[in-house]
PDB file of N, CA and C in Angstrom:
ATOM      1  N   MET A   1     -12.352  12.169   3.339  1.00  0.00           N
ATOM      2  CA  MET A   1     -10.965  11.652   3.120  1.00  0.00           C
ATOM      3  C   MET A   1     -11.358  10.001   2.474  1.00  0.00           C
ATOM      4  N   SER A   2     -11.603   9.304   1.056  1.00  0.00           N
ATOM      5  CA  SER A   2     -10.862   8.466   1.077  1.00  0.00           C
ATOM      6  C   SER A   2      -9.588   7.361   0.792  1.00  0.00           C
ATOM      7  N   ALA A   3      -9.034   6.573   1.463  1.00  0.00           N
ATOM      8  CA  ALA A   3      -7.877   5.986   1.609  1.00  0.00           C
ATOM      9  C   ALA A   3      -6.780   6.278   0.241  1.00  0.00           C
ATOM     10  N   LYS A   4      -6.173   6.307   0.424  1.00  0.00           N
ATOM     11  CA  LYS A   4      -4.876   6.181  -0.698  1.00  0.00           C
ATOM     12  C   LYS A   4      -4.332   5.531  -1.583  1.00  0.00           C
ATOM     13  N   PHE A   5      -4.743   4.327   0.136  1.00  0.00           N
ATOM     14  CA  PHE A   5      -3.480   2.697  -0.312  1.00  0.00           C
ATOM     15  C   PHE A   5      -4.466   2.010  -0.083  1.00  0.00           C
ATOM     16  N   ARG A   6      -3.990   0.433  -1.023  1.00  0.00           N
ATOM     17  CA  ARG A   6      -5.468  -0.191  -1.098  1.00  0.00           C
ATOM     18  C   ARG A   6      -4.255  -1.368  -1.395  1.00  0.00           C
ATOM     19  N   VAL A   7      -4.858  -2.921  -0.714  1.00  0.00           N
ATOM     20  CA  VAL A   7      -3.604  -3.370  -1.640  1.00  0.00           C
ATOM     21  C   VAL A   7      -4.628  -4.474  -2.394  1.00  0.00           C
ATOM     22  N   ALA A   8      -3.632  -4.793  -3.808  1.00  0.00           N
ATOM     23  CA  ALA A   8      -3.987  -4.979  -5.017  1.00  0.00           C
ATOM     24  C   ALA A   8      -2.843  -7.241  -5.053  1.00  0.00           C
ATOM     25  N   GLU A   9      -3.306  -7.454  -5.835  1.00  0.00           N
ATOM     26  CA  GLU A   9      -2.547  -8.756  -5.984  1.00  0.00           C
ATOM     27  C   GLU A   9      -0.838  -8.217  -6.933  1.00  0.00           C
ATOM     28  N   SER A  10      -0.802  -8.954  -6.677  1.00  0.00           N
ATOM     29  CA  SER A  10       1.429  -8.171  -7.143  1.00  0.00           C
ATOM     30  C   SER A  10       0.610  -8.374  -8.540  1.00  0.00           C
ATOM     31  N   PRO A  11       1.014  -7.408  -9.806  1.00  0.00           N
ATOM     32  CA  PRO A  11       1.070  -7.589 -11.247  1.00  0.00           C
ATOM     33  C   PRO A  11       2.800  -8.132 -11.396  1.00  0.00           C
ATOM     34  N   VAL A  12       2.768  -7.947 -10.629  1.00  0.00           N
ATOM     35  CA  VAL A  12       4.977  -9.510 -11.116  1.00  0.00           C
ATOM     36  C   VAL A  12       4.878 -10.929 -10.747  1.00  0.00           C
ATOM     37  N   TYR A  13       4.533 -10.976  -8.903  1.00  0.00           N
ATOM     38  CA  TYR A  13       5.007 -12.231  -8.216  1.00  0.00           C
ATOM     39  C   TYR A  13       2.979 -13.065  -8.357  1.00  0.00           C
ATOM     40  N   ASP A  14       3.665 -13.702  -8.918  1.00  0.00           N
ATOM     41  CA  ASP A  14       2.629 -14.990  -8.864  1.00  0.00           C
ATOM     42  C   ASP A  14       1.794 -15.500  -7.500  1.00  0.00           C
ATOM     43  N   GLY A  15       0.307 -15.096  -7.307  1.00  0.00           N
ATOM     44  CA  GLY A  15       0.492 -15.395  -5.136  1.00  0.00           C
ATOM     45  C   GLY A  15       1.649 -14.495  -4.434  1.00  0.00           C
ATOM     46  N   LYS A  16       2.124 -13.593  -4.626  1.00  0.00           N
ATOM     47  CA  LYS A  16       1.397 -12.585  -4.126  1.00  0.00           C
ATOM     48  C   LYS A  16       0.825 -11.303  -3.368  1.00  0.00           C
ATOM     49  N   TRP A  17       1.354  -9.864  -3.149  1.00  0.00           N
ATOM     50  CA  TRP A  17       0.255  -9.008  -2.707  1.00  0.00           C
ATOM     51  C   TRP A  17       1.319  -8.181  -2.856  1.00  0.00           C
ATOM     52  N   ALA A  18       0.514  -6.733  -3.056  1.00  0.00           N
ATOM     53  CA  ALA A  18       1.393  -5.918  -3.281  1.00  0.00           C
ATOM     54  C   ALA A  18       0.030  -3.914  -2.461  1.00  0.00           C
ATOM     55  N   VAL A  19       1.840  -2.709  -2.235  1.00  0.00           N
ATOM     56  CA  VAL A  19       0.423  -1.685  -1.249  1.00  0.00           C
ATOM     57  C   VAL A  19       0.763  -1.656  -2.359  1.00  0.00           C
ATOM     58  N   VAL A  20      -0.834  -0.968  -3.293  1.00  0.00           N
ATOM     59  CA  VAL A  20      -0.647  -0.162  -3.864  1.00  0.00           C
ATOM     60  C   VAL A  20      -1.489   0.782  -3.994  1.00  0.00           C
ATOM     61  N   GLU A  21      -1.418   2.011  -4.801  1.00  0.00           N
ATOM     62  CA  GLU A  21      -1.137   3.693  -4.017  1.00  0.00           C
ATOM     63  C   GLU A  21      -2.010   3.225  -5.337  1.00  0.00           C
ATOM     64  N   ASN A  22      -3.566   4.420  -4.905  1.00  0.00           N
ATOM     65  CA  ASN A  22      -4.481   4.651  -5.800  1.00  0.00           C
ATOM     66  C   ASN A  22      -4.231   5.958  -6.845  1.00  0.00           C
ATOM     67  N   SER A  23      -3.821   6.685  -6.484  1.00  0.00           N
ATOM     68  CA  SER A  23      -4.052   7.864  -7.285  1.00  0.00           C
ATOM     69  C   SER A  23      -2.914   7.485  -8.696  1.00  0.00           C
ATOM     70  N   THR A  24      -2.014   5.761  -8.314  1.00  0.00           N
ATOM     71  CA  THR A  24      -1.717   5.975  -9.550  1.00  0.00           C
ATOM     72  C   THR A  24      -1.707   4.248  -9.823  1.00  0.00           C
ATOM     73  N   ASP A  25      -2.051   3.257  -8.795  1.00  0.00           N
ATOM     74  CA  ASP A  25      -2.376   2.448  -9.433  1.00  0.00           C
ATOM     75  C   ASP A  25      -1.346   1.237  -9.921  1.00  0.00           C
ATOM     76  N   CYS A  26      -0.097   1.958  -9.305  1.00  0.00           N
ATOM     77  CA  CYS A  26       0.864   1.351  -8.423  1.00  0.00           C
ATOM     78  C   CYS A  26       1.916   0.625  -7.865  1.00  0.00           C
ATOM     79  N   PRO A  27       2.212  -0.213  -7.127  1.00  0.00           N
ATOM     80  CA  PRO A  27       3.047  -0.016  -5.740  1.00  0.00           C
ATOM     81  C   PRO A  27       3.476   0.156  -5.591  1.00  0.00           C
ATOM     82  N   ALA A  28       2.650   0.645  -4.156  1.00  0.00           N
ATOM     83  CA  ALA A  28       3.760   2.062  -3.271  1.00  0.00           C
ATOM     84  C   ALA A  28       4.821   1.806  -3.613  1.00  0.00           C
ATOM     85  N   ILE A  29       5.880   3.315  -3.339  1.00  0.00           N
ATOM     86  CA  ILE A  29       7.243   2.806  -3.023  1.00  0.00           C
ATOM     87  C   ILE A  29       8.120   3.789  -2.369  1.00  0.00           C
ATOM     88  N   VAL A  30       8.732   3.032  -1.086  1.00  0.00           N
ATOM     89  CA  VAL A  30       9.088   3.904   0.201  1.00  0.00           C
ATOM     90  C   VAL A  30      10.308   3.567   0.011  1.00  0.00           C
ATOM     91  N   GLU A  31      11.174   4.917  -0.277  1.00  0.00           N
ATOM     92  CA  GLU A  31      13.071   4.964   0.752  1.00  0.00           C
ATOM     93  C   GLU A  31      13.535   3.305  -0.621  1.00  0.00           C
ATOM     94  N   GLY A  32      12.697   4.309  -1.570  1.00  0.00           N
ATOM     95  CA  GLY A  32      13.252   3.371  -3.322  1.00  0.00           C
ATOM     96  C   GLY A  32      12.739   1.492  -3.230  1.00  0.00           C
ATOM     97  N   THR A  33      12.170   1.524  -2.260  1.00  0.00           N
ATOM     98  CA  THR A  33      11.611  -0.376  -2.421  1.00  0.00           C
ATOM     99  C   THR A  33      10.262  -0.398  -2.465  1.00  0.00           C
ATOM    100  N   PRO A  34       9.890  -1.432  -4.294  1.00  0.00           N
ATOM    101  CA  PRO A  34       8.500  -0.889  -4.440  1.00  0.00           C
ATOM    102  C   PRO A  34       8.275  -2.533  -2.911  1.00  0.00           C
ATOM    103  N   LEU A  35       6.474  -1.178  -2.317  1.00  0.00           N
ATOM    104  CA  LEU A  35       6.199  -2.907  -1.096  1.00  0.00           C
ATOM    105  C   LEU A  35       5.279  -3.966  -2.400  1.00  0.00           C
ATOM    106  N   ASP A  36       6.280  -5.532  -3.052  1.00  0.00           N
ATOM    107  CA  ASP A  36       5.909  -5.809  -3.640  1.00  0.00           C
ATOM    108  C   ASP A  36       6.209  -6.981  -3.059  1.00  0.00           C
ATOM    109  N   CYS A  37       5.020  -8.047  -3.660  1.00  0.00           N
ATOM    110  CA  CYS A  37       6.081  -9.459  -2.634  1.00  0.00           C
ATOM    111  C   CYS A  37       5.666 -10.219  -1.919  1.00  0.00           C
ATOM    112  N   LEU A  38       4.974  -9.631  -1.088  1.00  0.00           N
ATOM    113  CA  LEU A  38       4.442  -9.433  -0.184  1.00  0.00           C
ATOM    114  C   LEU A  38       3.327 -11.006   0.586  1.00  0.00           C
ATOM    115  N   THR A  39       2.810 -10.954   1.483  1.00  0.00           N
ATOM    116  CA  THR A  39       1.471 -11.577   2.591  1.00  0.00           C
ATOM    117  C   THR A  39       0.571 -10.880   2.012  1.00  0.00           C
ATOM    118  N   VAL A  40      -0.291 -11.304   1.978  1.00  0.00           N
ATOM    119  CA  VAL A  40      -1.722 -10.572   2.245  1.00  0.00           C
ATOM    120  C   VAL A  40      -1.261 -10.207   3.907  1.00  0.00           C
ATOM    121  N   GLN A  41      -1.785 -10.905   4.664  1.00  0.00           N
ATOM    122  CA  GLN A  41      -1.182  -9.914   6.325  1.00  0.00           C
ATOM    123  C   GLN A  41      -0.321  -8.971   6.096  1.00  0.00           C
ATOM    124  N   GLU A  42       0.936  -9.304   5.158  1.00  0.00           N
ATOM    125  CA  GLU A  42       1.538  -8.011   5.384  1.00  0.00           C
ATOM    126  C   GLU A  42       0.902  -6.790   4.262  1.00  0.00           C
ATOM    127  N   ALA A  43       0.823  -7.020   3.547  1.00  0.00           N
ATOM    128  CA  ALA A  43      -0.198  -6.325   2.415  1.00  0.00           C
ATOM    129  C   ALA A  43      -0.775  -5.614   3.537  1.00  0.00           C
ATOM    130  N   ARG A  44      -1.547  -6.634   3.997  1.00  0.00           N
ATOM    131  CA  ARG A  44      -2.399  -5.253   4.752  1.00  0.00           C
ATOM    132  C   ARG A  44      -2.179  -4.438   6.288  1.00  0.00           C
ATOM    133  N   ASP A  45      -1.431  -5.005   6.922  1.00  0.00           N
ATOM    134  CA  ASP A  45      -1.481  -4.324   7.872  1.00  0.00           C
ATOM    135  C   ASP A  45      -0.796  -3.338   7.525  1.00  0.00           C
ATOM    136  N   LEU A  46       0.569  -2.891   6.160  1.00  0.00           N
ATOM    137  CA  LEU A  46       0.725  -1.948   5.859  1.00  0.00           C
ATOM    138  C   LEU A  46       0.399  -0.616   4.829  1.00  0.00           C
ATOM    139  N   VAL A  47      -1.187  -1.082   5.255  1.00  0.00           N
ATOM    140  CA  VAL A  47      -2.105  -0.464   4.216  1.00  0.00           C
ATOM    141  C   VAL A  47      -2.513   0.063   5.685  1.00  0.00           C
ATOM    142  N   ASP A  48      -3.207   0.089   7.048  1.00  0.00           N
ATOM    143  CA  ASP A  48      -3.952   0.248   7.720  1.00  0.00           C
ATOM    144  C   ASP A  48      -2.080   0.668   8.267  1.00  0.00           C
ATOM    145  N   LEU A  49      -1.000   0.689   8.703  1.00  0.00           N
ATOM    146  CA  LEU A  49      -0.066   1.758   8.742  1.00  0.00           C
ATOM    147  C   LEU A  49      -0.598   3.389   7.945  1.00  0.00           C
ATOM    148  N   MET A  50       0.229   2.969   6.716  1.00  0.00           N
ATOM    149  CA  MET A  50       0.008   4.447   5.870  1.00  0.00           C
ATOM    150  C   MET A  50      -1.428   4.473   5.515  1.00  0.00           C
ATOM    151  N   ASN A  51      -2.542   4.023   5.299  1.00  0.00           N
ATOM    152  CA  ASN A  51      -3.718   4.860   5.451  1.00  0.00           C
ATOM    153  C   ASN A  51      -3.619   6.213   6.726  1.00  0.00           C
ATOM    154  N   ASN A  52      -3.444   5.159   8.110  1.00  0.00           N
ATOM    155  CA  ASN A  52      -4.017   5.764   9.555  1.00  0.00           C
ATOM    156  C   ASN A  52      -2.608   6.960   9.253  1.00  0.00           C
ATOM    157  N   ARG A  53      -1.717   6.548   9.425  1.00  0.00           N
ATOM    158  CA  ARG A  53      -0.544   7.919   8.870  1.00  0.00           C
ATOM    159  C   ARG A  53      -0.741   8.965   8.248  1.00  0.00           C
ATOM    160  N   ASP A  54      -1.300   8.803   6.941  1.00  0.00           N
ATOM    161  CA  ASP A  54      -2.043   9.846   5.756  1.00  0.00           C
ATOM    162  C   ASP A  54      -2.852  10.405   6.332  1.00  0.00           C
ATOM    163  N   ILE A  55      -3.976   9.529   7.140  1.00  0.00           N
ATOM    164  CA  ILE A  55      -5.359  10.298   7.568  1.00  0.00           C
ATOM    165  C   ILE A  55      -4.762  11.046   8.355  1.00  0.00           C
ATOM    166  N   ARG A  56      -3.788  11.732   9.280  1.00  0.00           N
ATOM    167  CA  ARG A  56      -3.418  11.925  10.733  1.00  0.00           C
ATOM    168  C   ARG A  56      -2.319  13.316  10.924  1.00  0.00           C
ATOM    169  N   ALA A  57      -1.813  12.944   9.356  1.00  0.00           N
ATOM    170  CA  ALA A  57      -0.733  14.171   8.624  1.00  0.00           C
ATOM    171  C   ALA A  57      -1.640  15.059   8.112  1.00  0.00           C
ATOM    172  N   HIS A  58      -3.129  14.653   7.434  1.00  0.00           N
ATOM    173  CA  HIS A  58      -3.268  15.499   6.929  1.00  0.00           C
ATOM    174  C   HIS A  58      -4.763  16.208   8.167  1.00  0.00           C
ATOM    175  N   GLU A  59      -4.496  16.462   9.288  1.00  0.00           N
ATOM    176  CA  GLU A  59      -5.664  16.622  10.507  1.00  0.00           C
ATOM    177  C   GLU A  59      -5.164  18.342  10.338  1.00  0.00           C
ATOM    178  N   PRO A  60      -6.288  18.245  11.331  1.00  0.00           N
ATOM    179  CA  PRO A  60      -5.939  20.394  11.239  1.00  0.00           C
ATOM    180  C   PRO A  60      -4.883  20.303  12.286  1.00  0.00           C
TER     181      PRO A  60
END
């Protein structure tokens, strides 16, 4: 299974980072909030958390 989310440079905020959903190539949205305008460490942590959760959700 490939990762659902990745870290990418923010499409809006210079020098900031986003959690991007690979299927849409857009920042992921959680409870109505786009995961954008993050530090690189925040984005990495969220991507790890979200990908691990997605993998566990699809385990038999």
